[in-house]
Amino acid sequence: MAIQTADSVFKVSYDARRTELTSLGREAELRLAMPWLAGAFAEHLGGPAGMVLRRGPFMVAEHGDQMTGAAIVPASDGLEAAAEGIYRELLATCGEFHLHRIWNYVPRINDMQAGLERYQQFNIGRWVAFEERYGRDLRAFLPAASAVGIKGDHLALMFSAGKRRPLFFENPSQVPAYHYPPDYGPRPPGFARGVVIEEADARTVFLSGTASIEGHRSVGEGDWDLQFRTTLHNIETMLGRMGVPEALHGDAWRRGDVLDGGFKCYLRHPESLCVMQEFFFEHTGLDESRVSFVQADICRRELDLEIEAAIRAPLPRA
């Protein structure tokens, strides 16, 4: 879910026959081969800017102290090289900008290839690129992120970066993803559970893709209710730590305690939509316009649900 701004530069839309990245001078659109189920059909990221520029494989726009960009690359032969290459390009493109949030759309994410799950291949390539850039300190630069499945043979990536260094947050009831044991692949997933960017008049909170995981183990295989409750508990914990616990309560949005943003739910099984909508709205009271649902494979084949958030909130009162 992206911050909704009427004059944003980048648009993300769903239900495309194939994943495409297009530019019309002052705007760019990432069309995803990902079925839309409910909620907002299109989302926006970034602020007003001049022209959208091509930098290598990326379309990029700078707007003040923010940078937004996206790229798609072929990834049918293996994800390790594709991920390493696109992340190396990303880190070079950002330069002195700090990565805040990355959305990864990974083709055939749960398939086995050359003895590894393709998500594990992706994690190797991502890790190698960060390690090449930052060395042993790479964990101090890992942004909030998600990685979900997409149709087709192209890896798509979208990012938000800025000149302000974000505050990084982890969930005390979960092992940081970058410390996962080797059971999850030769290199761990490279992301923070969440980040906060403090600005002059507000703050932006990015919650990474969050699923039914305790410690480092999946919880509730085949049980949608348990997966939802575990995921929601993790979200409550993270939003509390990041200073926006009210974001999960519809009344706070209506009072203006939350300024903008929303949640996105990735569902492995489209037939779970009605159940997940009922769970979500009953437990939060959020308006339906603040939650979107799309169909996507989750990075762990035993899990059926992942939820992320992007929230803009007032600064805490002194």
C-alpha atoms as a PDB file:
ATOM      1  CA  MET A   1       0.000   0.000   0.000  1.00  0.00           C
ATOM      2  CA  ALA A   2       1.433   3.375  -0.969  1.00  0.00           C
ATOM      3  CA  ILE A   3       0.756   6.836   0.393  1.00  0.00           C
ATOM      4  CA  GLN A   4      -2.117   8.231  -1.652  1.00  0.00           C
ATOM      5  CA  THR A   5      -1.227  11.629  -3.125  1.00  0.00           C
ATOM      6  CA  ALA A   6      -3.201  13.131  -5.992  1.00  0.00           C
ATOM      7  CA  ASP A   7      -0.151  14.530  -7.749  1.00  0.00           C
ATOM      8  CA  SER A   8       2.149  11.560  -7.130  1.00  0.00           C
ATOM      9  CA  VAL A   9       4.612  10.579  -9.823  1.00  0.00           C
ATOM     10  CA  PHE A  10       4.367   6.793  -9.744  1.00  0.00           C
ATOM     11  CA  LYS A  11       1.182   4.815 -10.166  1.00  0.00           C
ATOM     12  CA  VAL A  12       0.866   1.095  -9.413  1.00  0.00           C
ATOM     13  CA  SER A  13      -2.019  -0.855 -10.905  1.00  0.00           C
ATOM     14  CA  TYR A  14      -3.100  -4.501 -11.033  1.00  0.00           C
ATOM     15  CA  ASP A  15      -4.755  -7.072 -13.306  1.00  0.00           C
ATOM     16  CA  ALA A  16      -2.286  -6.480 -16.159  1.00  0.00           C
ATOM     17  CA  ARG A  17      -1.849  -9.269 -18.705  1.00  0.00           C
ATOM     18  CA  ARG A  18       1.912  -8.850 -18.286  1.00  0.00           C
ATOM     19  CA  THR A  19       4.053  -6.710 -16.009  1.00  0.00           C
ATOM     20  CA  GLU A  20       4.998  -3.418 -17.665  1.00  0.00           C
ATOM     21  CA  LEU A  21       6.680  -0.152 -16.706  1.00  0.00           C
ATOM     22  CA  THR A  22       5.699   2.886 -18.753  1.00  0.00           C
ATOM     23  CA  SER A  23       6.392   6.618 -18.642  1.00  0.00           C
ATOM     24  CA  LEU A  24       4.426   9.577 -19.967  1.00  0.00           C
ATOM     25  CA  GLY A  25       6.875  12.391 -19.303  1.00  0.00           C
ATOM     26  CA  ARG A  26       5.865  13.552 -15.834  1.00  0.00           C
ATOM     27  CA  GLU A  27       4.337  10.281 -14.657  1.00  0.00           C
ATOM     28  CA  ALA A  28       5.220   6.589 -14.627  1.00  0.00           C
ATOM     29  CA  GLU A  29       3.078   3.524 -14.133  1.00  0.00           C
ATOM     30  CA  LEU A  30       3.996   0.033 -12.989  1.00  0.00           C
ATOM     31  CA  ARG A  31       1.342  -2.378 -14.226  1.00  0.00           C
ATOM     32  CA  LEU A  32       1.518  -5.649 -12.340  1.00  0.00           C
ATOM     33  CA  ALA A  33       0.427  -9.093 -13.530  1.00  0.00           C
ATOM     34  CA  MET A  34      -1.193  -9.615 -10.159  1.00  0.00           C
ATOM     35  CA  PRO A  35      -4.949 -10.196  -9.787  1.00  0.00           C
ATOM     36  CA  TRP A  36      -6.833  -7.432  -7.982  1.00  0.00           C
ATOM     37  CA  LEU A  37      -9.489  -8.680  -5.543  1.00  0.00           C
ATOM     38  CA  ALA A  38     -10.942  -5.689  -3.649  1.00  0.00           C
ATOM     39  CA  GLY A  39     -10.202  -2.171  -2.443  1.00  0.00           C
ATOM     40  CA  ALA A  40      -8.176   0.389  -4.390  1.00  0.00           C
ATOM     41  CA  PHE A  41      -7.389  -0.787  -7.903  1.00  0.00           C
ATOM     42  CA  ALA A  42      -4.494   1.665  -8.292  1.00  0.00           C
ATOM     43  CA  GLU A  43      -2.085   3.262  -5.816  1.00  0.00           C
ATOM     44  CA  HIS A  44       0.342   6.155  -5.896  1.00  0.00           C
ATOM     45  CA  LEU A  45       3.802   6.750  -4.498  1.00  0.00           C
ATOM     46  CA  GLY A  46       5.970   9.821  -4.254  1.00  0.00           C
ATOM     47  CA  GLY A  47       5.242  13.502  -4.714  1.00  0.00           C
ATOM     48  CA  PRO A  48       5.168  16.049  -7.531  1.00  0.00           C
ATOM     49  CA  ALA A  49       8.316  16.319  -9.608  1.00  0.00           C
ATOM     50  CA  GLY A  50       9.625  17.256 -13.000  1.00  0.00           C
ATOM     51  CA  MET A  51      10.283  14.626 -15.633  1.00  0.00           C
ATOM     52  CA  VAL A  52      10.564  10.927 -14.933  1.00  0.00           C
ATOM     53  CA  LEU A  53      14.083   9.985 -15.991  1.00  0.00           C
ATOM     54  CA  ARG A  54      15.612   6.720 -17.167  1.00  0.00           C
ATOM     55  CA  ARG A  55      18.686   5.613 -15.189  1.00  0.00           C
ATOM     56  CA  GLY A  56      19.836   2.244 -16.413  1.00  0.00           C
ATOM     57  CA  PRO A  57      16.936  -0.187 -15.919  1.00  0.00           C
ATOM     58  CA  PHE A  58      15.146   2.238 -13.564  1.00  0.00           C
ATOM     59  CA  MET A  59      12.607   4.963 -14.144  1.00  0.00           C
ATOM     60  CA  VAL A  60      13.323   7.492 -11.398  1.00  0.00           C
ATOM     61  CA  ALA A  61      11.853  10.758 -10.165  1.00  0.00           C
ATOM     62  CA  GLU A  62      13.311  13.032  -7.507  1.00  0.00           C
ATOM     63  CA  HIS A  63      10.964  15.298  -5.579  1.00  0.00           C
ATOM     64  CA  GLY A  64      12.660  17.442  -2.974  1.00  0.00           C
ATOM     65  CA  ASP A  65      14.562  15.194  -0.621  1.00  0.00           C
ATOM     66  CA  GLN A  66      12.699  12.094  -1.853  1.00  0.00           C
ATOM     67  CA  MET A  67      13.378   9.664  -4.681  1.00  0.00           C
ATOM     68  CA  THR A  68      10.978   7.148  -6.179  1.00  0.00           C
ATOM     69  CA  GLY A  69      11.754   4.557  -8.830  1.00  0.00           C
ATOM     70  CA  ALA A  70      10.867   1.253 -10.419  1.00  0.00           C
ATOM     71  CA  ALA A  71      12.358  -1.352 -12.748  1.00  0.00           C
ATOM     72  CA  ILE A  72      11.528  -4.716 -14.283  1.00  0.00           C
ATOM     73  CA  VAL A  73      14.102  -7.258 -15.465  1.00  0.00           C
ATOM     74  CA  PRO A  74      13.932 -10.761 -17.022  1.00  0.00           C
ATOM     75  CA  ALA A  75      14.193 -13.502 -14.403  1.00  0.00           C
ATOM     76  CA  SER A  76      13.240 -16.810 -16.001  1.00  0.00           C
ATOM     77  CA  ASP A  77      16.681 -18.458 -15.932  1.00  0.00           C
ATOM     78  CA  GLY A  78      17.335 -17.933 -12.230  1.00  0.00           C
ATOM     79  CA  LEU A  79      16.754 -15.221  -9.687  1.00  0.00           C
ATOM     80  CA  GLU A  80      20.153 -14.971  -8.044  1.00  0.00           C
ATOM     81  CA  ALA A  81      21.844 -13.156 -10.914  1.00  0.00           C
ATOM     82  CA  ALA A  82      18.740 -11.081 -11.730  1.00  0.00           C
ATOM     83  CA  ALA A  83      18.333  -9.941  -8.109  1.00  0.00           C
ATOM     84  CA  GLU A  84      22.019  -9.216  -7.638  1.00  0.00           C
ATOM     85  CA  GLY A  85      22.138  -7.186 -10.838  1.00  0.00           C
ATOM     86  CA  ILE A  86      19.020  -5.103 -10.185  1.00  0.00           C
ATOM     87  CA  TYR A  87      19.996  -4.444  -6.573  1.00  0.00           C
ATOM     88  CA  ARG A  88      23.482  -3.391  -7.582  1.00  0.00           C
ATOM     89  CA  GLU A  89      21.867  -0.946 -10.034  1.00  0.00           C
ATOM     90  CA  LEU A  90      19.425   0.215  -7.339  1.00  0.00           C
ATOM     91  CA  LEU A  91      22.127   0.987  -4.794  1.00  0.00           C
ATOM     92  CA  ALA A  92      24.141   2.879  -7.411  1.00  0.00           C
ATOM     93  CA  THR A  93      21.051   4.810  -8.510  1.00  0.00           C
ATOM     94  CA  CYS A  94      20.196   5.869  -4.961  1.00  0.00           C
ATOM     95  CA  GLY A  95      23.693   7.182  -4.302  1.00  0.00           C
ATOM     96  CA  GLU A  96      23.522   9.230  -1.102  1.00  0.00           C
ATOM     97  CA  PHE A  97      19.779   8.660  -0.688  1.00  0.00           C
ATOM     98  CA  HIS A  98      18.742   6.217   2.044  1.00  0.00           C
ATOM     99  CA  LEU A  99      16.477   3.378   1.019  1.00  0.00           C
ATOM    100  CA  HIS A 100      13.222   3.532   2.993  1.00  0.00           C
ATOM    101  CA  ARG A 101      10.973   0.916   1.377  1.00  0.00           C
ATOM    102  CA  ILE A 102      11.209  -1.667  -1.419  1.00  0.00           C
ATOM    103  CA  TRP A 103       8.401  -3.681  -2.993  1.00  0.00           C
ATOM    104  CA  ASN A 104       9.658  -6.852  -4.723  1.00  0.00           C
ATOM    105  CA  TYR A 105       7.418  -8.793  -7.106  1.00  0.00           C
ATOM    106  CA  VAL A 106       9.035 -12.163  -7.719  1.00  0.00           C
ATOM    107  CA  PRO A 107       7.974 -14.512 -10.528  1.00  0.00           C
ATOM    108  CA  ARG A 108       7.254 -18.115  -9.477  1.00  0.00           C
ATOM    109  CA  ILE A 109       8.475 -17.262  -5.985  1.00  0.00           C
ATOM    110  CA  ASN A 110       7.869 -20.729  -4.475  1.00  0.00           C
ATOM    111  CA  ASP A 111       9.112 -22.851  -7.393  1.00  0.00           C
ATOM    112  CA  MET A 112      12.215 -25.000  -7.013  1.00  0.00           C
ATOM    113  CA  GLN A 113      15.025 -24.325  -9.480  1.00  0.00           C
ATOM    114  CA  ALA A 114      18.589 -25.655  -9.477  1.00  0.00           C
ATOM    115  CA  GLY A 115      18.077 -27.149  -6.019  1.00  0.00           C
ATOM    116  CA  LEU A 116      16.813 -23.975  -4.362  1.00  0.00           C
ATOM    117  CA  GLU A 117      13.472 -22.256  -3.987  1.00  0.00           C
ATOM    118  CA  ARG A 118      13.417 -19.208  -6.222  1.00  0.00           C
ATOM    119  CA  TYR A 119      12.796 -16.931  -3.220  1.00  0.00           C
ATOM    120  CA  GLN A 120      16.012 -18.286  -1.713  1.00  0.00           C
ATOM    121  CA  GLN A 121      17.812 -17.487  -4.972  1.00  0.00           C
ATOM    122  CA  PHE A 122      16.416 -13.969  -4.800  1.00  0.00           C
ATOM    123  CA  ASN A 123      17.663 -13.578  -1.221  1.00  0.00           C
ATOM    124  CA  ILE A 124      21.193 -14.607  -2.233  1.00  0.00           C
ATOM    125  CA  GLY A 125      21.341 -12.008  -4.995  1.00  0.00           C
ATOM    126  CA  ARG A 126      19.894  -9.236  -2.824  1.00  0.00           C
ATOM    127  CA  TRP A 127      22.278 -10.012   0.032  1.00  0.00           C
ATOM    128  CA  VAL A 128      25.356 -10.111  -2.198  1.00  0.00           C
ATOM    129  CA  ALA A 129      24.538  -6.669  -3.629  1.00  0.00           C
ATOM    130  CA  PHE A 130      24.061  -5.101  -0.167  1.00  0.00           C
ATOM    131  CA  GLU A 131      27.205  -6.783   1.145  1.00  0.00           C
ATOM    132  CA  GLU A 132      29.202  -5.542  -1.829  1.00  0.00           C
ATOM    133  CA  ARG A 133      28.041  -1.993  -1.116  1.00  0.00           C
ATOM    134  CA  TYR A 134      28.113  -1.875   2.695  1.00  0.00           C
ATOM    135  CA  GLY A 135      30.333  -4.769   3.770  1.00  0.00           C
ATOM    136  CA  ARG A 136      29.810  -6.271   7.219  1.00  0.00           C
ATOM    137  CA  ASP A 137      27.584  -3.323   8.227  1.00  0.00           C
ATOM    138  CA  LEU A 138      24.909  -4.130   5.629  1.00  0.00           C
ATOM    139  CA  ARG A 139      22.250  -4.897   8.257  1.00  0.00           C
ATOM    140  CA  ALA A 140      22.294  -1.236   9.302  1.00  0.00           C
ATOM    141  CA  PHE A 141      21.118  -0.213   5.814  1.00  0.00           C
ATOM    142  CA  LEU A 142      18.389  -2.742   5.067  1.00  0.00           C
ATOM    143  CA  PRO A 143      15.047  -1.007   4.391  1.00  0.00           C
ATOM    144  CA  ALA A 144      11.494  -2.111   5.012  1.00  0.00           C
ATOM    145  CA  ALA A 145      10.479  -4.515   2.246  1.00  0.00           C
ATOM    146  CA  SER A 146       8.107  -7.145   0.950  1.00  0.00           C
ATOM    147  CA  ALA A 147       8.546  -9.933  -1.583  1.00  0.00           C
ATOM    148  CA  VAL A 148       5.496 -11.661  -3.050  1.00  0.00           C
ATOM    149  CA  GLY A 149       4.813 -13.722  -6.137  1.00  0.00           C
ATOM    150  CA  ILE A 150       3.798 -12.388  -9.523  1.00  0.00           C
ATOM    151  CA  LYS A 151       2.813 -13.969 -12.815  1.00  0.00           C
ATOM    152  CA  GLY A 152       5.180 -14.034 -15.779  1.00  0.00           C
ATOM    153  CA  ASP A 153       8.968 -14.179 -15.986  1.00  0.00           C
ATOM    154  CA  HIS A 154      10.001 -10.664 -14.942  1.00  0.00           C
ATOM    155  CA  LEU A 155      11.212  -9.481 -11.548  1.00  0.00           C
ATOM    156  CA  ALA A 156       9.676  -6.102 -10.707  1.00  0.00           C
ATOM    157  CA  LEU A 157      10.969  -3.737  -8.055  1.00  0.00           C
ATOM    158  CA  MET A 158       9.704  -0.408  -6.776  1.00  0.00           C
ATOM    159  CA  PHE A 159      11.394   1.743  -4.143  1.00  0.00           C
ATOM    160  CA  SER A 160      11.087   4.856  -2.034  1.00  0.00           C
ATOM    161  CA  ALA A 161      14.236   6.581  -0.767  1.00  0.00           C
ATOM    162  CA  GLY A 162      15.125   9.863   0.867  1.00  0.00           C
ATOM    163  CA  LYS A 163      17.925  12.030   2.201  1.00  0.00           C
ATOM    164  CA  ARG A 164      16.692  11.462   5.751  1.00  0.00           C
ATOM    165  CA  ARG A 165      18.057   8.339   7.378  1.00  0.00           C
ATOM    166  CA  PRO A 166      15.117   6.289   8.679  1.00  0.00           C
ATOM    167  CA  LEU A 167      14.667   4.824  12.125  1.00  0.00           C
ATOM    168  CA  PHE A 168      14.685   1.016  11.946  1.00  0.00           C
ATOM    169  CA  PHE A 169      12.389  -1.231  13.979  1.00  0.00           C
ATOM    170  CA  GLU A 170      12.173  -4.961  14.706  1.00  0.00           C
ATOM    171  CA  ASN A 171       9.565  -7.140  16.409  1.00  0.00           C
ATOM    172  CA  PRO A 172      10.756  -8.603  19.753  1.00  0.00           C
ATOM    173  CA  SER A 173       8.595 -11.692  19.190  1.00  0.00           C
ATOM    174  CA  GLN A 174      10.226 -12.390  15.817  1.00  0.00           C
ATOM    175  CA  VAL A 175      13.810 -13.120  14.871  1.00  0.00           C
ATOM    176  CA  PRO A 176      15.018 -10.317  12.577  1.00  0.00           C
ATOM    177  CA  ALA A 177      14.781 -11.670   9.046  1.00  0.00           C
ATOM    178  CA  TYR A 178      18.468 -10.919   8.452  1.00  0.00           C
ATOM    179  CA  HIS A 179      19.327 -13.266  11.366  1.00  0.00           C
ATOM    180  CA  TYR A 180      17.282 -16.254  10.157  1.00  0.00           C
ATOM    181  CA  PRO A 181      19.100 -19.598  10.465  1.00  0.00           C
ATOM    182  CA  PRO A 182      20.369 -21.462   7.369  1.00  0.00           C
ATOM    183  CA  ASP A 183      17.121 -23.488   7.240  1.00  0.00           C
ATOM    184  CA  TYR A 184      15.709 -20.622   5.146  1.00  0.00           C
ATOM    185  CA  GLY A 185      18.454 -20.571   2.551  1.00  0.00           C
ATOM    186  CA  PRO A 186      22.164 -19.861   2.044  1.00  0.00           C
ATOM    187  CA  ARG A 187      21.541 -16.134   2.689  1.00  0.00           C
ATOM    188  CA  PRO A 188      18.800 -14.669   4.887  1.00  0.00           C
ATOM    189  CA  PRO A 189      16.107 -12.261   3.699  1.00  0.00           C
ATOM    190  CA  GLY A 190      17.536  -8.737   3.666  1.00  0.00           C
ATOM    191  CA  PHE A 191      15.006  -6.327   5.176  1.00  0.00           C
ATOM    192  CA  ALA A 192      13.914  -4.552   8.363  1.00  0.00           C
ATOM    193  CA  ARG A 193      10.463  -5.201   9.847  1.00  0.00           C
ATOM    194  CA  GLY A 194       9.626  -1.506   9.636  1.00  0.00           C
ATOM    195  CA  VAL A 195      11.001   2.022   9.299  1.00  0.00           C
ATOM    196  CA  VAL A 196       9.925   5.505  10.348  1.00  0.00           C
ATOM    197  CA  ILE A 197      10.950   8.686   8.543  1.00  0.00           C
ATOM    198  CA  GLU A 198      10.633  11.819  10.666  1.00  0.00           C
ATOM    199  CA  GLU A 199       9.888  14.966   8.665  1.00  0.00           C
ATOM    200  CA  ALA A 200       9.288  18.602   9.560  1.00  0.00           C
ATOM    201  CA  ASP A 201       5.515  18.346   9.831  1.00  0.00           C
ATOM    202  CA  ALA A 202       4.708  14.619   9.930  1.00  0.00           C
ATOM    203  CA  ARG A 203       6.214  11.158   9.830  1.00  0.00           C
ATOM    204  CA  THR A 204       5.934   8.306   7.389  1.00  0.00           C
ATOM    205  CA  VAL A 205       5.747   4.750   8.659  1.00  0.00           C
ATOM    206  CA  PHE A 206       6.450   1.766   6.424  1.00  0.00           C
ATOM    207  CA  LEU A 207       5.475  -1.634   7.807  1.00  0.00           C
ATOM    208  CA  SER A 208       7.126  -4.455   5.877  1.00  0.00           C
ATOM    209  CA  GLY A 209       5.162  -7.412   4.600  1.00  0.00           C
ATOM    210  CA  THR A 210       4.018  -9.129   7.805  1.00  0.00           C
ATOM    211  CA  ALA A 211       2.879 -12.734   8.106  1.00  0.00           C
ATOM    212  CA  SER A 212       2.071 -15.444  10.648  1.00  0.00           C
ATOM    213  CA  ILE A 213       5.562 -15.974  12.040  1.00  0.00           C
ATOM    214  CA  GLU A 214       6.667 -16.376  15.656  1.00  0.00           C
ATOM    215  CA  GLY A 215      10.388 -16.400  16.270  1.00  0.00           C
ATOM    216  CA  HIS A 216      11.406 -17.595  12.830  1.00  0.00           C
ATOM    217  CA  ARG A 217       8.785 -20.334  12.431  1.00  0.00           C
ATOM    218  CA  SER A 218       5.528 -20.212  10.497  1.00  0.00           C
ATOM    219  CA  VAL A 219       2.316 -20.551  12.512  1.00  0.00           C
ATOM    220  CA  GLY A 220      -1.086 -21.848  11.432  1.00  0.00           C
ATOM    221  CA  GLU A 221      -0.494 -23.742   8.203  1.00  0.00           C
ATOM    222  CA  GLY A 222      -3.913 -24.368   6.654  1.00  0.00           C
ATOM    223  CA  ASP A 223      -5.693 -22.331   9.361  1.00  0.00           C
ATOM    224  CA  TRP A 224      -6.712 -18.923   7.989  1.00  0.00           C
ATOM    225  CA  ASP A 225      -8.112 -17.705  11.302  1.00  0.00           C
ATOM    226  CA  LEU A 226      -4.914 -18.480  13.235  1.00  0.00           C
ATOM    227  CA  GLN A 227      -2.742 -16.986  10.506  1.00  0.00           C
ATOM    228  CA  PHE A 228      -4.777 -13.774  10.546  1.00  0.00           C
ATOM    229  CA  ARG A 229      -4.713 -13.467  14.342  1.00  0.00           C
ATOM    230  CA  THR A 230      -0.953 -14.096  14.513  1.00  0.00           C
ATOM    231  CA  THR A 231      -0.310 -11.628  11.697  1.00  0.00           C
ATOM    232  CA  LEU A 232      -2.508  -8.990  13.317  1.00  0.00           C
ATOM    233  CA  HIS A 233      -0.690  -9.440  16.630  1.00  0.00           C
ATOM    234  CA  ASN A 234       2.634  -8.860  14.860  1.00  0.00           C
ATOM    235  CA  ILE A 235       1.211  -5.742  13.182  1.00  0.00           C
ATOM    236  CA  GLU A 236      -0.110  -4.387  16.488  1.00  0.00           C
ATOM    237  CA  THR A 237       3.312  -4.916  18.050  1.00  0.00           C
ATOM    238  CA  MET A 238       5.139  -3.175  15.231  1.00  0.00           C
ATOM    239  CA  LEU A 239       2.781  -0.202  14.923  1.00  0.00           C
ATOM    240  CA  GLY A 240       3.016   0.278  18.674  1.00  0.00           C
ATOM    241  CA  ARG A 241       6.809   0.259  18.570  1.00  0.00           C
ATOM    242  CA  MET A 242       6.784   2.699  15.652  1.00  0.00           C
ATOM    243  CA  GLY A 243       4.496   5.092  17.515  1.00  0.00           C
ATOM    244  CA  VAL A 244       1.278   4.697  15.510  1.00  0.00           C
ATOM    245  CA  PRO A 245      -0.838   2.104  17.373  1.00  0.00           C
ATOM    246  CA  GLU A 246      -3.951   4.093  16.426  1.00  0.00           C
ATOM    247  CA  ALA A 247      -3.480   3.227  12.745  1.00  0.00           C
ATOM    248  CA  LEU A 248      -5.296  -0.087  13.308  1.00  0.00           C
ATOM    249  CA  HIS A 249      -8.425   1.671  14.582  1.00  0.00           C
ATOM    250  CA  GLY A 250     -10.929   3.204  12.213  1.00  0.00           C
ATOM    251  CA  ASP A 251     -11.964   5.911  14.686  1.00  0.00           C
ATOM    252  CA  ALA A 252      -8.433   7.333  14.700  1.00  0.00           C
ATOM    253  CA  TRP A 253      -8.534   7.840  10.936  1.00  0.00           C
ATOM    254  CA  ARG A 254     -11.883   9.574  11.173  1.00  0.00           C
ATOM    255  CA  ARG A 255     -10.584  11.900  13.934  1.00  0.00           C
ATOM    256  CA  GLY A 256      -7.532  12.823  11.854  1.00  0.00           C
ATOM    257  CA  ASP A 257      -5.032  11.128  14.174  1.00  0.00           C
ATOM    258  CA  VAL A 258      -3.784   9.373  11.031  1.00  0.00           C
ATOM    259  CA  LEU A 259      -3.329  11.554   7.965  1.00  0.00           C
ATOM    260  CA  ASP A 260      -3.020   9.193   5.025  1.00  0.00           C
ATOM    261  CA  GLY A 261      -2.053   5.730   3.803  1.00  0.00           C
ATOM    262  CA  GLY A 262      -3.524   2.307   4.350  1.00  0.00           C
ATOM    263  CA  PHE A 263      -3.014  -1.449   4.333  1.00  0.00           C
ATOM    264  CA  LYS A 264      -2.573  -4.050   1.617  1.00  0.00           C
ATOM    265  CA  CYS A 265      -3.409  -7.739   2.069  1.00  0.00           C
ATOM    266  CA  TYR A 266      -1.803 -10.348  -0.163  1.00  0.00           C
ATOM    267  CA  LEU A 267      -3.864 -13.541  -0.321  1.00  0.00           C
ATOM    268  CA  ARG A 268      -2.552 -16.790  -1.761  1.00  0.00           C
ATOM    269  CA  HIS A 269      -6.073 -18.122  -2.288  1.00  0.00           C
ATOM    270  CA  PRO A 270      -8.659 -15.763  -3.855  1.00  0.00           C
ATOM    271  CA  GLU A 271     -11.429 -17.792  -2.220  1.00  0.00           C
ATOM    272  CA  SER A 272     -10.222 -16.563   1.191  1.00  0.00           C
ATOM    273  CA  LEU A 273     -11.172 -12.963   0.325  1.00  0.00           C
ATOM    274  CA  CYS A 274     -14.575 -12.847   2.053  1.00  0.00           C
ATOM    275  CA  VAL A 275     -13.197 -14.481   5.195  1.00  0.00           C
ATOM    276  CA  MET A 276     -10.165 -12.180   5.371  1.00  0.00           C
ATOM    277  CA  GLN A 277     -12.278  -9.074   4.759  1.00  0.00           C
ATOM    278  CA  GLU A 278     -14.581 -10.098   7.598  1.00  0.00           C
ATOM    279  CA  PHE A 279     -11.624 -10.740   9.903  1.00  0.00           C
ATOM    280  CA  PHE A 280      -9.941  -7.439   9.043  1.00  0.00           C
ATOM    281  CA  PHE A 281     -12.900  -5.092   9.237  1.00  0.00           C
ATOM    282  CA  GLU A 282     -14.309  -6.734  12.369  1.00  0.00           C
ATOM    283  CA  HIS A 283     -11.014  -6.412  14.243  1.00  0.00           C
ATOM    284  CA  THR A 284     -10.090  -2.884  13.103  1.00  0.00           C
ATOM    285  CA  GLY A 285     -13.185  -0.916  12.104  1.00  0.00           C
ATOM    286  CA  LEU A 286     -11.196   0.558   9.222  1.00  0.00           C
ATOM    287  CA  ASP A 287     -13.011   1.974   6.235  1.00  0.00           C
ATOM    288  CA  GLU A 288     -12.894  -0.316   3.199  1.00  0.00           C
ATOM    289  CA  SER A 289     -11.139   2.435   1.223  1.00  0.00           C
ATOM    290  CA  ARG A 290      -8.083   2.004   3.478  1.00  0.00           C
ATOM    291  CA  VAL A 291      -7.536  -1.694   2.753  1.00  0.00           C
ATOM    292  CA  SER A 292      -6.814  -3.328  -0.603  1.00  0.00           C
ATOM    293  CA  PHE A 293      -6.649  -7.036  -1.391  1.00  0.00           C
ATOM    294  CA  VAL A 294      -4.656  -8.683  -4.185  1.00  0.00           C
ATOM    295  CA  GLN A 295      -3.872 -12.301  -5.015  1.00  0.00           C
ATOM    296  CA  ALA A 296      -0.227 -13.304  -4.686  1.00  0.00           C
ATOM    297  CA  ASP A 297       1.880 -16.224  -3.557  1.00  0.00           C
ATOM    298  CA  ILE A 298       3.572 -15.581  -0.202  1.00  0.00           C
ATOM    299  CA  CYS A 299       7.323 -16.058   0.249  1.00  0.00           C
ATOM    300  CA  ARG A 300       6.695 -19.123   2.453  1.00  0.00           C
ATOM    301  CA  ARG A 301       4.654 -21.794   0.701  1.00  0.00           C
ATOM    302  CA  GLU A 302       2.909 -22.823   3.953  1.00  0.00           C
ATOM    303  CA  LEU A 303       1.502 -19.316   4.524  1.00  0.00           C
ATOM    304  CA  ASP A 304      -1.590 -17.858   2.875  1.00  0.00           C
ATOM    305  CA  LEU A 305      -1.616 -14.235   4.042  1.00  0.00           C
ATOM    306  CA  GLU A 306       0.696 -11.227   4.225  1.00  0.00           C
ATOM    307  CA  ILE A 307      -0.197  -7.655   5.200  1.00  0.00           C
ATOM    308  CA  GLU A 308       1.785  -4.437   4.778  1.00  0.00           C
ATOM    309  CA  ALA A 309       1.119  -0.788   5.552  1.00  0.00           C
ATOM    310  CA  ALA A 310       2.218   2.715   4.606  1.00  0.00           C
ATOM    311  CA  ILE A 311       1.038   5.393   7.015  1.00  0.00           C
ATOM    312  CA  ARG A 312       1.492   9.136   7.313  1.00  0.00           C
ATOM    313  CA  ALA A 313       0.793  10.471  10.800  1.00  0.00           C
ATOM    314  CA  PRO A 314       1.228  13.717  12.763  1.00  0.00           C
ATOM    315  CA  LEU A 315       4.385  14.134  14.778  1.00  0.00           C
ATOM    316  CA  PRO A 316       4.037  13.158  18.443  1.00  0.00           C
ATOM    317  CA  ARG A 317       2.986  16.016  20.681  1.00  0.00           C
ATOM    318  CA  ALA A 318       5.760  17.382  22.889  1.00  0.00           C
END
